[in-house]
């Protein structure tokens, strides 16, 4: 009789390289052993499938490049575990990550899903990677434990719930985007419970660049998340959507306007200083975190990057809003005419 493990670790991979090898090595160094490894090779050409097989994984291959969401759905259907543990191929588990997850579910069997965060020691040394991963760590560590979203960087869900929800939505998200957040929204709407468990962490190895950061934040997250919020009317005040974040977006644009006015009216410099102080105050906890982790010089570089983040967040919201309105208008045009109620005669004029 085939053993059904507690966890099925599901990893989609495309040309994972050395980072994928580190990911697999870390899994085998786990102190918890009741798991199976399911790897879905999404068209790799570097031998990632063979590498996974060497680490004892059950390996499945997609028919061409389908993307990580489709690969995860395939892995979930093939999995035998009670829980699906999704992790990216460029992440390393801590030795106690799986044990900590098991303890949480044993203590709270009514829990349907959980996710953790990146740790505070990113694998890549360049500034953008350190900033992006530490920022992600800070946001998750300072958000509500009762969550409404999901995250596949380090996320666990009951397999039965995942399959009942139909997995990740491949029609709406044809490329990597916020299919994990969408899944979390649908799970909550179905009455499920999700927790953000802050001590469950993994190390992210990705060497972010400025271009990849902008692409991810704007096109993969910001715009589609705006559309999801408007579609589901679910503007939460958590993660990156807390009140001080929204006020900061307005303050950054007001600061730019005040800077422009100073070319004609020098007195506007007072507004520039005031708005800069406001932004520093609104985000002081984040900047203090960066200062304690990486020092003054690093924090001085973070501040303009963070203010730029607020600038393009507003652009993302505007684009998402326009796309949502476009979808609504298209849906209205395609909707069939409503039948008249019984007893109501059509207007003959």
C-alpha atoms as a PDB file:
ATOM      1  CA  UNK A   1       0.000   0.000   0.000  1.00  0.00           C
ATOM      2  CA  UNK A   2       1.390   3.419  -1.000  1.00  0.00           C
ATOM      3  CA  UNK A   3       2.220   5.666   1.940  1.00  0.00           C
ATOM      4  CA  UNK A   4       0.404   9.020   1.968  1.00  0.00           C
ATOM      5  CA  UNK A   5       2.799  11.599   3.444  1.00  0.00           C
ATOM      6  CA  UNK A   6       1.727  14.624   5.433  1.00  0.00           C
ATOM      7  CA  UNK A   7       3.250  17.043   2.919  1.00  0.00           C
ATOM      8  CA  UNK A   8       3.657  16.993  -0.824  1.00  0.00           C
ATOM      9  CA  UNK A   9       6.339  19.558  -1.633  1.00  0.00           C
ATOM     10  CA  UNK A  10       5.391  20.868  -5.078  1.00  0.00           C
ATOM     11  CA  UNK A  11       8.034  22.778  -7.032  1.00  0.00           C
ATOM     12  CA  UNK A  12       7.628  24.127 -10.574  1.00  0.00           C
ATOM     13  CA  UNK A  13      10.972  24.637 -12.311  1.00  0.00           C
ATOM     14  CA  UNK A  14      12.257  26.098 -15.538  1.00  0.00           C
ATOM     15  CA  UNK A  15      16.037  25.978 -15.975  1.00  0.00           C
ATOM     16  CA  UNK A  16      16.577  26.114 -12.232  1.00  0.00           C
ATOM     17  CA  UNK A  17      20.363  25.858 -12.342  1.00  0.00           C
ATOM     18  CA  UNK A  18      22.436  26.050  -9.168  1.00  0.00           C
ATOM     19  CA  UNK A  19      19.655  27.728  -7.184  1.00  0.00           C
ATOM     20  CA  UNK A  20      17.396  24.738  -7.829  1.00  0.00           C
ATOM     21  CA  UNK A  21      20.139  22.396  -6.626  1.00  0.00           C
ATOM     22  CA  UNK A  22      20.438  24.426  -3.421  1.00  0.00           C
ATOM     23  CA  UNK A  23      16.650  24.272  -3.032  1.00  0.00           C
ATOM     24  CA  UNK A  24      16.627  20.471  -3.332  1.00  0.00           C
ATOM     25  CA  UNK A  25      19.618  20.085  -1.013  1.00  0.00           C
ATOM     26  CA  UNK A  26      17.928  22.177   1.674  1.00  0.00           C
ATOM     27  CA  UNK A  27      14.775  20.047   1.492  1.00  0.00           C
ATOM     28  CA  UNK A  28      16.815  16.912   2.166  1.00  0.00           C
ATOM     29  CA  UNK A  29      18.442  18.609   5.159  1.00  0.00           C
ATOM     30  CA  UNK A  30      15.040  19.093   6.792  1.00  0.00           C
ATOM     31  CA  UNK A  31      14.583  17.717  10.304  1.00  0.00           C
ATOM     32  CA  UNK A  32      11.029  16.653   9.361  1.00  0.00           C
ATOM     33  CA  UNK A  33      10.798  13.600   7.114  1.00  0.00           C
ATOM     34  CA  UNK A  34       7.117  12.846   6.394  1.00  0.00           C
ATOM     35  CA  UNK A  35       7.020  14.352   2.913  1.00  0.00           C
ATOM     36  CA  UNK A  36       7.254  13.553  -0.771  1.00  0.00           C
ATOM     37  CA  UNK A  37       8.863  15.730  -3.410  1.00  0.00           C
ATOM     38  CA  UNK A  38       6.908  16.515  -6.581  1.00  0.00           C
ATOM     39  CA  UNK A  39       8.771  18.489  -9.238  1.00  0.00           C
ATOM     40  CA  UNK A  40       7.078  19.719 -12.407  1.00  0.00           C
ATOM     41  CA  UNK A  41       9.560  20.590 -15.143  1.00  0.00           C
ATOM     42  CA  UNK A  42       8.069  23.361 -17.268  1.00  0.00           C
ATOM     43  CA  UNK A  43      10.159  22.893 -20.399  1.00  0.00           C
ATOM     44  CA  UNK A  44      13.681  23.118 -18.947  1.00  0.00           C
ATOM     45  CA  UNK A  45      16.681  22.663 -21.217  1.00  0.00           C
ATOM     46  CA  UNK A  46      19.365  22.540 -18.508  1.00  0.00           C
ATOM     47  CA  UNK A  47      18.650  19.086 -17.092  1.00  0.00           C
ATOM     48  CA  UNK A  48      16.567  20.289 -14.141  1.00  0.00           C
ATOM     49  CA  UNK A  49      14.354  17.221 -14.525  1.00  0.00           C
ATOM     50  CA  UNK A  50      17.325  14.865 -14.197  1.00  0.00           C
ATOM     51  CA  UNK A  51      18.632  16.796 -11.199  1.00  0.00           C
ATOM     52  CA  UNK A  52      15.255  16.498  -9.465  1.00  0.00           C
ATOM     53  CA  UNK A  53      15.238  12.756 -10.126  1.00  0.00           C
ATOM     54  CA  UNK A  54      18.657  12.442  -8.504  1.00  0.00           C
ATOM     55  CA  UNK A  55      17.150  13.970  -5.358  1.00  0.00           C
ATOM     56  CA  UNK A  56      14.358  11.399  -5.279  1.00  0.00           C
ATOM     57  CA  UNK A  57      11.601  13.575  -6.681  1.00  0.00           C
ATOM     58  CA  UNK A  58       8.610  12.331  -8.606  1.00  0.00           C
ATOM     59  CA  UNK A  59       9.152  14.292 -11.793  1.00  0.00           C
ATOM     60  CA  UNK A  60       6.433  15.376 -14.218  1.00  0.00           C
ATOM     61  CA  UNK A  61       6.910  17.355 -17.408  1.00  0.00           C
ATOM     62  CA  UNK A  62       4.571  19.846 -19.037  1.00  0.00           C
ATOM     63  CA  UNK A  63       3.910  19.876 -22.759  1.00  0.00           C
ATOM     64  CA  UNK A  64       5.810  23.060 -23.548  1.00  0.00           C
ATOM     65  CA  UNK A  65       6.117  26.191 -21.403  1.00  0.00           C
ATOM     66  CA  UNK A  66       2.850  26.541 -19.482  1.00  0.00           C
ATOM     67  CA  UNK A  67       4.005  28.698 -16.567  1.00  0.00           C
ATOM     68  CA  UNK A  68       4.327  28.004 -12.827  1.00  0.00           C
ATOM     69  CA  UNK A  69       0.584  28.106 -12.064  1.00  0.00           C
ATOM     70  CA  UNK A  70      -0.206  25.345 -14.563  1.00  0.00           C
ATOM     71  CA  UNK A  71       2.814  23.387 -13.342  1.00  0.00           C
ATOM     72  CA  UNK A  72       1.630  23.658  -9.736  1.00  0.00           C
ATOM     73  CA  UNK A  73      -1.850  22.490 -10.720  1.00  0.00           C
ATOM     74  CA  UNK A  74      -0.310  19.463 -12.425  1.00  0.00           C
ATOM     75  CA  UNK A  75       1.826  18.718  -9.382  1.00  0.00           C
ATOM     76  CA  UNK A  76      -1.133  19.081  -7.031  1.00  0.00           C
ATOM     77  CA  UNK A  77      -3.184  16.566  -9.000  1.00  0.00           C
ATOM     78  CA  UNK A  78      -0.308  14.068  -8.881  1.00  0.00           C
ATOM     79  CA  UNK A  79       0.455  14.659  -5.193  1.00  0.00           C
ATOM     80  CA  UNK A  80      -0.387  12.112  -2.500  1.00  0.00           C
ATOM     81  CA  UNK A  81       0.053  14.237   0.620  1.00  0.00           C
ATOM     82  CA  UNK A  82      -2.624  15.650   2.896  1.00  0.00           C
ATOM     83  CA  UNK A  83      -1.140  19.130   2.462  1.00  0.00           C
ATOM     84  CA  UNK A  84       0.436  20.785  -0.564  1.00  0.00           C
ATOM     85  CA  UNK A  85       3.543  22.786   0.243  1.00  0.00           C
ATOM     86  CA  UNK A  86       4.347  25.188  -2.577  1.00  0.00           C
ATOM     87  CA  UNK A  87       7.846  26.610  -2.744  1.00  0.00           C
ATOM     88  CA  UNK A  88       9.756  28.278  -5.557  1.00  0.00           C
ATOM     89  CA  UNK A  89      12.784  26.660  -7.173  1.00  0.00           C
ATOM     90  CA  UNK A  90      14.970  29.595  -6.090  1.00  0.00           C
ATOM     91  CA  UNK A  91      14.243  29.258  -2.366  1.00  0.00           C
ATOM     92  CA  UNK A  92      15.934  27.320   0.442  1.00  0.00           C
ATOM     93  CA  UNK A  93      14.002  25.828   3.350  1.00  0.00           C
ATOM     94  CA  UNK A  94      15.418  26.230   6.826  1.00  0.00           C
ATOM     95  CA  UNK A  95      16.078  22.866   8.513  1.00  0.00           C
ATOM     96  CA  UNK A  96      13.066  23.379  10.809  1.00  0.00           C
ATOM     97  CA  UNK A  97      10.638  24.886   8.269  1.00  0.00           C
ATOM     98  CA  UNK A  98       8.634  21.703   7.665  1.00  0.00           C
ATOM     99  CA  UNK A  99       8.622  20.793  11.359  1.00  0.00           C
ATOM    100  CA  UNK A 100       7.270  24.240  12.229  1.00  0.00           C
ATOM    101  CA  UNK A 101       4.534  23.914   9.607  1.00  0.00           C
ATOM    102  CA  UNK A 102       3.526  20.494  10.940  1.00  0.00           C
ATOM    103  CA  UNK A 103       3.297  21.878  14.478  1.00  0.00           C
ATOM    104  CA  UNK A 104       0.988  24.698  13.363  1.00  0.00           C
ATOM    105  CA  UNK A 105      -1.449  22.350  11.624  1.00  0.00           C
ATOM    106  CA  UNK A 106      -1.365  19.854  14.506  1.00  0.00           C
ATOM    107  CA  UNK A 107      -2.204  22.650  16.953  1.00  0.00           C
ATOM    108  CA  UNK A 108      -4.965  24.060  14.725  1.00  0.00           C
ATOM    109  CA  UNK A 109      -6.544  21.297  12.597  1.00  0.00           C
ATOM    110  CA  UNK A 110      -9.319  23.636  11.388  1.00  0.00           C
ATOM    111  CA  UNK A 111      -6.730  25.728   9.550  1.00  0.00           C
ATOM    112  CA  UNK A 112      -6.994  25.374   5.775  1.00  0.00           C
ATOM    113  CA  UNK A 113      -3.846  27.154   4.642  1.00  0.00           C
ATOM    114  CA  UNK A 114      -0.858  29.122   5.842  1.00  0.00           C
ATOM    115  CA  UNK A 115       2.073  30.987   4.406  1.00  0.00           C
ATOM    116  CA  UNK A 116       5.286  32.395   5.803  1.00  0.00           C
ATOM    117  CA  UNK A 117       7.884  34.872   4.591  1.00  0.00           C
ATOM    118  CA  UNK A 118      11.370  35.269   3.234  1.00  0.00           C
ATOM    119  CA  UNK A 119      14.028  35.420   5.925  1.00  0.00           C
ATOM    120  CA  UNK A 120      16.192  38.471   6.643  1.00  0.00           C
ATOM    121  CA  UNK A 121      19.330  37.049   4.998  1.00  0.00           C
ATOM    122  CA  UNK A 122      18.735  37.088   1.210  1.00  0.00           C
ATOM    123  CA  UNK A 123      20.986  34.870  -0.860  1.00  0.00           C
ATOM    124  CA  UNK A 124      22.019  37.487  -3.462  1.00  0.00           C
ATOM    125  CA  UNK A 125      24.347  40.296  -2.373  1.00  0.00           C
ATOM    126  CA  UNK A 126      23.415  43.088  -4.818  1.00  0.00           C
ATOM    127  CA  UNK A 127      21.520  46.112  -3.483  1.00  0.00           C
ATOM    128  CA  UNK A 128      18.259  45.532  -5.387  1.00  0.00           C
ATOM    129  CA  UNK A 129      18.026  41.913  -4.205  1.00  0.00           C
ATOM    130  CA  UNK A 130      18.770  42.869  -0.607  1.00  0.00           C
ATOM    131  CA  UNK A 131      16.241  45.728  -0.705  1.00  0.00           C
ATOM    132  CA  UNK A 132      13.474  43.727  -2.396  1.00  0.00           C
ATOM    133  CA  UNK A 133      13.784  40.626  -0.213  1.00  0.00           C
ATOM    134  CA  UNK A 134      14.236  42.507   3.065  1.00  0.00           C
ATOM    135  CA  UNK A 135      11.238  44.699   2.194  1.00  0.00           C
ATOM    136  CA  UNK A 136       9.175  41.574   1.555  1.00  0.00           C
ATOM    137  CA  UNK A 137      10.349  40.120   4.886  1.00  0.00           C
ATOM    138  CA  UNK A 138       9.392  43.318   6.720  1.00  0.00           C
ATOM    139  CA  UNK A 139       5.918  43.497   5.175  1.00  0.00           C
ATOM    140  CA  UNK A 140       5.060  39.910   6.093  1.00  0.00           C
ATOM    141  CA  UNK A 141       6.534  40.237   9.575  1.00  0.00           C
ATOM    142  CA  UNK A 142       4.389  43.315  10.256  1.00  0.00           C
ATOM    143  CA  UNK A 143       1.066  42.124   8.852  1.00  0.00           C
ATOM    144  CA  UNK A 144      -1.961  40.489  10.447  1.00  0.00           C
ATOM    145  CA  UNK A 145      -1.701  36.779  11.196  1.00  0.00           C
ATOM    146  CA  UNK A 146      -5.315  36.257  10.110  1.00  0.00           C
ATOM    147  CA  UNK A 147      -4.796  36.481   6.367  1.00  0.00           C
ATOM    148  CA  UNK A 148      -7.003  36.855   3.301  1.00  0.00           C
ATOM    149  CA  UNK A 149      -4.414  35.973   0.681  1.00  0.00           C
ATOM    150  CA  UNK A 150      -2.056  33.132  -0.148  1.00  0.00           C
ATOM    151  CA  UNK A 151       1.586  33.033  -1.248  1.00  0.00           C
ATOM    152  CA  UNK A 152       3.352  30.301  -3.194  1.00  0.00           C
ATOM    153  CA  UNK A 153       6.862  31.362  -2.214  1.00  0.00           C
ATOM    154  CA  UNK A 154       6.293  29.438   1.016  1.00  0.00           C
ATOM    155  CA  UNK A 155       2.644  28.406   1.251  1.00  0.00           C
ATOM    156  CA  UNK A 156       0.784  25.326   2.453  1.00  0.00           C
ATOM    157  CA  UNK A 157      -2.843  24.385   1.765  1.00  0.00           C
ATOM    158  CA  UNK A 158      -4.971  21.301   2.336  1.00  0.00           C
ATOM    159  CA  UNK A 159      -4.913  19.346  -0.901  1.00  0.00           C
ATOM    160  CA  UNK A 160      -8.656  18.677  -0.681  1.00  0.00           C
ATOM    161  CA  UNK A 161      -9.378  22.414  -0.445  1.00  0.00           C
ATOM    162  CA  UNK A 162      -7.027  23.244  -3.299  1.00  0.00           C
ATOM    163  CA  UNK A 163      -8.690  20.729  -5.606  1.00  0.00           C
ATOM    164  CA  UNK A 164     -12.189  21.786  -4.517  1.00  0.00           C
ATOM    165  CA  UNK A 165     -11.347  25.368  -5.532  1.00  0.00           C
ATOM    166  CA  UNK A 166     -10.123  24.191  -8.922  1.00  0.00           C
ATOM    167  CA  UNK A 167      -6.507  25.119  -8.227  1.00  0.00           C
ATOM    168  CA  UNK A 168      -4.954  28.248  -9.663  1.00  0.00           C
ATOM    169  CA  UNK A 169      -7.068  30.141 -12.192  1.00  0.00           C
ATOM    170  CA  UNK A 170      -5.328  29.577 -15.519  1.00  0.00           C
ATOM    171  CA  UNK A 171      -7.956  31.420 -17.553  1.00  0.00           C
ATOM    172  CA  UNK A 172      -7.554  34.706 -15.714  1.00  0.00           C
ATOM    173  CA  UNK A 173      -3.804  34.411 -15.125  1.00  0.00           C
ATOM    174  CA  UNK A 174      -2.176  33.090 -18.281  1.00  0.00           C
ATOM    175  CA  UNK A 175       1.256  34.294 -17.148  1.00  0.00           C
ATOM    176  CA  UNK A 176       2.847  34.398 -13.663  1.00  0.00           C
ATOM    177  CA  UNK A 177       1.020  37.057 -11.663  1.00  0.00           C
ATOM    178  CA  UNK A 178      -1.196  36.995  -8.575  1.00  0.00           C
ATOM    179  CA  UNK A 179      -2.781  33.582  -9.037  1.00  0.00           C
ATOM    180  CA  UNK A 180      -1.747  32.786  -5.461  1.00  0.00           C
ATOM    181  CA  UNK A 181      -3.462  35.898  -4.067  1.00  0.00           C
ATOM    182  CA  UNK A 182      -6.555  35.081  -6.122  1.00  0.00           C
ATOM    183  CA  UNK A 183      -6.571  31.557  -4.671  1.00  0.00           C
ATOM    184  CA  UNK A 184      -6.447  33.002  -1.157  1.00  0.00           C
ATOM    185  CA  UNK A 185      -9.389  35.301  -1.879  1.00  0.00           C
ATOM    186  CA  UNK A 186     -11.427  32.379  -3.210  1.00  0.00           C
ATOM    187  CA  UNK A 187     -10.540  30.225  -0.209  1.00  0.00           C
ATOM    188  CA  UNK A 188     -11.697  32.959   2.186  1.00  0.00           C
ATOM    189  CA  UNK A 189     -14.924  33.448   0.230  1.00  0.00           C
ATOM    190  CA  UNK A 190     -15.542  29.700   0.555  1.00  0.00           C
ATOM    191  CA  UNK A 191     -15.261  29.986   4.336  1.00  0.00           C
ATOM    192  CA  UNK A 192     -11.665  28.770   4.662  1.00  0.00           C
ATOM    193  CA  UNK A 193      -9.092  29.978   7.163  1.00  0.00           C
ATOM    194  CA  UNK A 194      -5.617  31.235   6.243  1.00  0.00           C
ATOM    195  CA  UNK A 195      -2.842  32.273   8.598  1.00  0.00           C
ATOM    196  CA  UNK A 196       0.373  34.173   8.051  1.00  0.00           C
ATOM    197  CA  UNK A 197       2.820  32.361  10.352  1.00  0.00           C
ATOM    198  CA  UNK A 198       5.777  34.674  10.782  1.00  0.00           C
ATOM    199  CA  UNK A 199       8.360  32.234  12.111  1.00  0.00           C
ATOM    200  CA  UNK A 200       7.989  29.974   9.060  1.00  0.00           C
ATOM    201  CA  UNK A 201      10.625  31.342   6.703  1.00  0.00           C
ATOM    202  CA  UNK A 202      12.685  30.464   3.640  1.00  0.00           C
ATOM    203  CA  UNK A 203      15.738  32.061   2.068  1.00  0.00           C
ATOM    204  CA  UNK A 204      15.223  33.667  -1.331  1.00  0.00           C
ATOM    205  CA  UNK A 205      18.212  33.232  -3.642  1.00  0.00           C
ATOM    206  CA  UNK A 206      17.048  35.313  -6.611  1.00  0.00           C
ATOM    207  CA  UNK A 207      19.376  38.105  -7.751  1.00  0.00           C
ATOM    208  CA  UNK A 208      16.782  40.787  -8.475  1.00  0.00           C
ATOM    209  CA  UNK A 209      17.650  43.552 -10.938  1.00  0.00           C
ATOM    210  CA  UNK A 210      16.014  46.963 -11.227  1.00  0.00           C
ATOM    211  CA  UNK A 211      14.230  45.874 -14.420  1.00  0.00           C
ATOM    212  CA  UNK A 212      12.938  42.604 -12.944  1.00  0.00           C
ATOM    213  CA  UNK A 213      11.773  44.450  -9.818  1.00  0.00           C
ATOM    214  CA  UNK A 214       9.733  46.947 -11.856  1.00  0.00           C
ATOM    215  CA  UNK A 215       8.257  44.204 -14.028  1.00  0.00           C
ATOM    216  CA  UNK A 216       7.228  42.180 -10.987  1.00  0.00           C
ATOM    217  CA  UNK A 217       5.861  45.068  -8.928  1.00  0.00           C
ATOM    218  CA  UNK A 218       3.923  46.727 -11.756  1.00  0.00           C
ATOM    219  CA  UNK A 219       2.890  44.101 -14.298  1.00  0.00           C
ATOM    220  CA  UNK A 220       2.923  40.889 -12.250  1.00  0.00           C
ATOM    221  CA  UNK A 221       1.504  42.246  -8.992  1.00  0.00           C
ATOM    222  CA  UNK A 222       0.275  45.851  -8.959  1.00  0.00           C
ATOM    223  CA  UNK A 223      -1.989  45.946 -12.016  1.00  0.00           C
ATOM    224  CA  UNK A 224      -3.616  42.493 -11.664  1.00  0.00           C
ATOM    225  CA  UNK A 225      -4.019  42.928  -7.891  1.00  0.00           C
ATOM    226  CA  UNK A 226      -5.887  46.198  -8.490  1.00  0.00           C
ATOM    227  CA  UNK A 227      -8.207  44.396 -10.905  1.00  0.00           C
ATOM    228  CA  UNK A 228      -8.770  41.629  -8.341  1.00  0.00           C
ATOM    229  CA  UNK A 229      -9.555  44.120  -5.558  1.00  0.00           C
ATOM    230  CA  UNK A 230     -12.081  45.934  -7.747  1.00  0.00           C
ATOM    231  CA  UNK A 231     -13.610  42.687  -9.019  1.00  0.00           C
ATOM    232  CA  UNK A 232     -14.067  41.226  -5.537  1.00  0.00           C
ATOM    233  CA  UNK A 233     -14.595  44.581  -3.765  1.00  0.00           C
ATOM    234  CA  UNK A 234     -12.012  43.460  -1.208  1.00  0.00           C
ATOM    235  CA  UNK A 235      -9.773  46.414  -0.327  1.00  0.00           C
ATOM    236  CA  UNK A 236      -8.099  45.108   2.821  1.00  0.00           C
ATOM    237  CA  UNK A 237      -5.845  47.129   5.107  1.00  0.00           C
ATOM    238  CA  UNK A 238      -2.970  44.695   5.378  1.00  0.00           C
ATOM    239  CA  UNK A 239       0.314  43.677   3.742  1.00  0.00           C
ATOM    240  CA  UNK A 240       1.187  46.437   1.219  1.00  0.00           C
ATOM    241  CA  UNK A 241      -2.265  48.035   1.483  1.00  0.00           C
ATOM    242  CA  UNK A 242      -2.146  49.519   4.980  1.00  0.00           C
ATOM    243  CA  UNK A 243      -3.403  53.064   5.596  1.00  0.00           C
ATOM    244  CA  UNK A 244       0.055  54.633   5.879  1.00  0.00           C
ATOM    245  CA  UNK A 245       0.945  53.150   2.480  1.00  0.00           C
ATOM    246  CA  UNK A 246      -2.031  54.833   0.828  1.00  0.00           C
ATOM    247  CA  UNK A 247      -1.292  58.175   2.499  1.00  0.00           C
ATOM    248  CA  UNK A 248       2.344  57.873   1.404  1.00  0.00           C
ATOM    249  CA  UNK A 249       1.312  57.513  -2.247  1.00  0.00           C
ATOM    250  CA  UNK A 250      -0.572  60.821  -2.052  1.00  0.00           C
ATOM    251  CA  UNK A 251       2.321  62.469  -0.201  1.00  0.00           C
ATOM    252  CA  UNK A 252       4.891  61.412  -2.828  1.00  0.00           C
ATOM    253  CA  UNK A 253       2.855  62.935  -5.650  1.00  0.00           C
ATOM    254  CA  UNK A 254       2.269  66.080  -3.599  1.00  0.00           C
ATOM    255  CA  UNK A 255       6.032  66.251  -3.039  1.00  0.00           C
ATOM    256  CA  UNK A 256       6.680  66.087  -6.784  1.00  0.00           C
ATOM    257  CA  UNK A 257       4.131  68.828  -7.396  1.00  0.00           C
ATOM    258  CA  UNK A 258       5.686  71.019  -4.710  1.00  0.00           C
ATOM    259  CA  UNK A 259       9.137  70.462  -6.230  1.00  0.00           C
ATOM    260  CA  UNK A 260       7.839  71.627  -9.611  1.00  0.00           C
ATOM    261  CA  UNK A 261       6.286  74.726  -8.061  1.00  0.00           C
ATOM    262  CA  UNK A 262       9.608  75.733  -6.445  1.00  0.00           C
ATOM    263  CA  UNK A 263      10.935  76.653  -9.913  1.00  0.00           C
ATOM    264  CA  UNK A 264       8.375  79.478  -9.971  1.00  0.00           C
ATOM    265  CA  UNK A 265       7.624  80.059  -6.283  1.00  0.00           C
ATOM    266  CA  UNK A 266      10.572  79.449  -3.927  1.00  0.00           C
ATOM    267  CA  UNK A 267       8.263  79.442  -0.898  1.00  0.00           C
ATOM    268  CA  UNK A 268       7.038  76.015  -2.054  1.00  0.00           C
ATOM    269  CA  UNK A 269      10.310  74.645  -0.678  1.00  0.00           C
ATOM    270  CA  UNK A 270       8.669  74.698   2.753  1.00  0.00           C
ATOM    271  CA  UNK A 271       6.022  72.294   1.454  1.00  0.00           C
ATOM    272  CA  UNK A 272       8.745  70.073  -0.017  1.00  0.00           C
ATOM    273  CA  UNK A 273      10.476  69.834   3.342  1.00  0.00           C
ATOM    274  CA  UNK A 274       7.200  69.265   5.171  1.00  0.00           C
ATOM    275  CA  UNK A 275       6.104  66.485   2.828  1.00  0.00           C
ATOM    276  CA  UNK A 276       9.514  64.817   3.020  1.00  0.00           C
ATOM    277  CA  UNK A 277       9.314  64.859   6.816  1.00  0.00           C
ATOM    278  CA  UNK A 278       5.781  63.423   6.601  1.00  0.00           C
ATOM    279  CA  UNK A 279       6.971  60.556   4.392  1.00  0.00           C
ATOM    280  CA  UNK A 280       9.881  59.806   6.703  1.00  0.00           C
ATOM    281  CA  UNK A 281       7.506  59.788   9.659  1.00  0.00           C
ATOM    282  CA  UNK A 282       4.894  57.574   7.997  1.00  0.00           C
ATOM    283  CA  UNK A 283       7.540  55.006   7.085  1.00  0.00           C
ATOM    284  CA  UNK A 284       9.893  55.395  10.026  1.00  0.00           C
ATOM    285  CA  UNK A 285       9.462  51.812  11.227  1.00  0.00           C
ATOM    286  CA  UNK A 286      10.519  50.428   7.851  1.00  0.00           C
ATOM    287  CA  UNK A 287      13.531  52.727   7.619  1.00  0.00           C
ATOM    288  CA  UNK A 288      14.514  51.885  11.172  1.00  0.00           C
ATOM    289  CA  UNK A 289      14.338  48.196  10.228  1.00  0.00           C
ATOM    290  CA  UNK A 290      16.675  48.725   7.268  1.00  0.00           C
ATOM    291  CA  UNK A 291      19.030  50.778   9.431  1.00  0.00           C
ATOM    292  CA  UNK A 292      19.313  48.016  12.034  1.00  0.00           C
ATOM    293  CA  UNK A 293      19.805  45.352   9.355  1.00  0.00           C
ATOM    294  CA  UNK A 294      22.139  47.088   6.901  1.00  0.00           C
ATOM    295  CA  UNK A 295      23.261  50.442   8.317  1.00  0.00           C
ATOM    296  CA  UNK A 296      22.931  54.111   7.436  1.00  0.00           C
ATOM    297  CA  UNK A 297      24.353  54.095   3.899  1.00  0.00           C
ATOM    298  CA  UNK A 298      22.085  51.251   2.808  1.00  0.00           C
ATOM    299  CA  UNK A 299      19.047  52.973   4.336  1.00  0.00           C
ATOM    300  CA  UNK A 300      19.918  56.215   2.534  1.00  0.00           C
ATOM    301  CA  UNK A 301      19.711  54.282  -0.745  1.00  0.00           C
ATOM    302  CA  UNK A 302      16.470  52.584   0.300  1.00  0.00           C
ATOM    303  CA  UNK A 303      14.516  55.807   0.874  1.00  0.00           C
ATOM    304  CA  UNK A 304      14.451  57.060  -2.766  1.00  0.00           C
ATOM    305  CA  UNK A 305      13.798  53.503  -3.971  1.00  0.00           C
ATOM    306  CA  UNK A 306      10.871  53.246  -1.580  1.00  0.00           C
ATOM    307  CA  UNK A 307       9.430  56.577  -2.661  1.00  0.00           C
ATOM    308  CA  UNK A 308       9.746  55.438  -6.283  1.00  0.00           C
ATOM    309  CA  UNK A 309       7.815  52.326  -5.225  1.00  0.00           C
ATOM    310  CA  UNK A 310       4.943  54.564  -4.110  1.00  0.00           C
ATOM    311  CA  UNK A 311       5.081  56.456  -7.409  1.00  0.00           C
ATOM    312  CA  UNK A 312       4.732  53.388  -9.598  1.00  0.00           C
ATOM    313  CA  UNK A 313       2.142  51.864  -7.261  1.00  0.00           C
ATOM    314  CA  UNK A 314      -0.162  54.729  -8.177  1.00  0.00           C
ATOM    315  CA  UNK A 315       0.549  54.119 -11.864  1.00  0.00           C
ATOM    316  CA  UNK A 316      -0.226  50.423 -11.359  1.00  0.00           C
ATOM    317  CA  UNK A 317      -3.506  51.292  -9.659  1.00  0.00           C
ATOM    318  CA  UNK A 318      -4.483  53.651 -12.480  1.00  0.00           C
ATOM    319  CA  UNK A 319      -3.716  51.056 -15.151  1.00  0.00           C
ATOM    320  CA  UNK A 320      -5.546  48.361 -13.198  1.00  0.00           C
ATOM    321  CA  UNK A 321      -8.569  50.636 -12.817  1.00  0.00           C
ATOM    322  CA  UNK A 322      -8.694  51.366 -16.554  1.00  0.00           C
ATOM    323  CA  UNK A 323      -8.402  47.670 -17.413  1.00  0.00           C
ATOM    324  CA  UNK A 324     -11.151  46.829 -14.924  1.00  0.00           C
ATOM    325  CA  UNK A 325     -13.482  49.427 -16.449  1.00  0.00           C
ATOM    326  CA  UNK A 326     -12.660  48.056 -19.896  1.00  0.00           C
ATOM    327  CA  UNK A 327     -13.576  44.544 -18.742  1.00  0.00           C
ATOM    328  CA  UNK A 328     -16.839  45.804 -17.254  1.00  0.00           C
ATOM    329  CA  UNK A 329     -17.840  47.628 -20.441  1.00  0.00           C
ATOM    330  CA  UNK A 330     -17.007  44.569 -22.524  1.00  0.00           C
ATOM    331  CA  UNK A 331     -19.068  42.350 -20.214  1.00  0.00           C
ATOM    332  CA  UNK A 332     -22.036  44.735 -20.458  1.00  0.00           C
ATOM    333  CA  UNK A 333     -21.890  44.732 -24.269  1.00  0.00           C
ATOM    334  CA  UNK A 334     -21.749  40.936 -24.417  1.00  0.00           C
ATOM    335  CA  UNK A 335     -24.471  40.387 -21.814  1.00  0.00           C
ATOM    336  CA  UNK A 336     -27.767  39.077 -23.283  1.00  0.00           C
ATOM    337  CA  UNK A 337     -30.785  41.393 -22.974  1.00  0.00           C
ATOM    338  CA  UNK A 338     -32.812  40.857 -19.820  1.00  0.00           C
ATOM    339  CA  UNK A 339     -36.299  39.379 -20.386  1.00  0.00           C
ATOM    340  CA  UNK A 340     -39.243  41.562 -19.430  1.00  0.00           C
ATOM    341  CA  UNK A 341     -41.031  40.645 -16.235  1.00  0.00           C
ATOM    342  CA  UNK A 342     -44.429  38.945 -16.548  1.00  0.00           C
ATOM    343  CA  UNK A 343     -47.265  41.407 -17.042  1.00  0.00           C
ATOM    344  CA  UNK A 344     -45.087  44.231 -18.372  1.00  0.00           C
ATOM    345  CA  UNK A 345     -45.716  45.196 -21.958  1.00  0.00           C
ATOM    346  CA  UNK A 346     -42.846  46.547 -24.059  1.00  0.00           C
ATOM    347  CA  UNK A 347     -43.023  50.210 -24.960  1.00  0.00           C
ATOM    348  CA  UNK A 348     -44.440  50.510 -28.460  1.00  0.00           C
ATOM    349  CA  UNK A 349     -42.914  53.934 -29.124  1.00  0.00           C
END
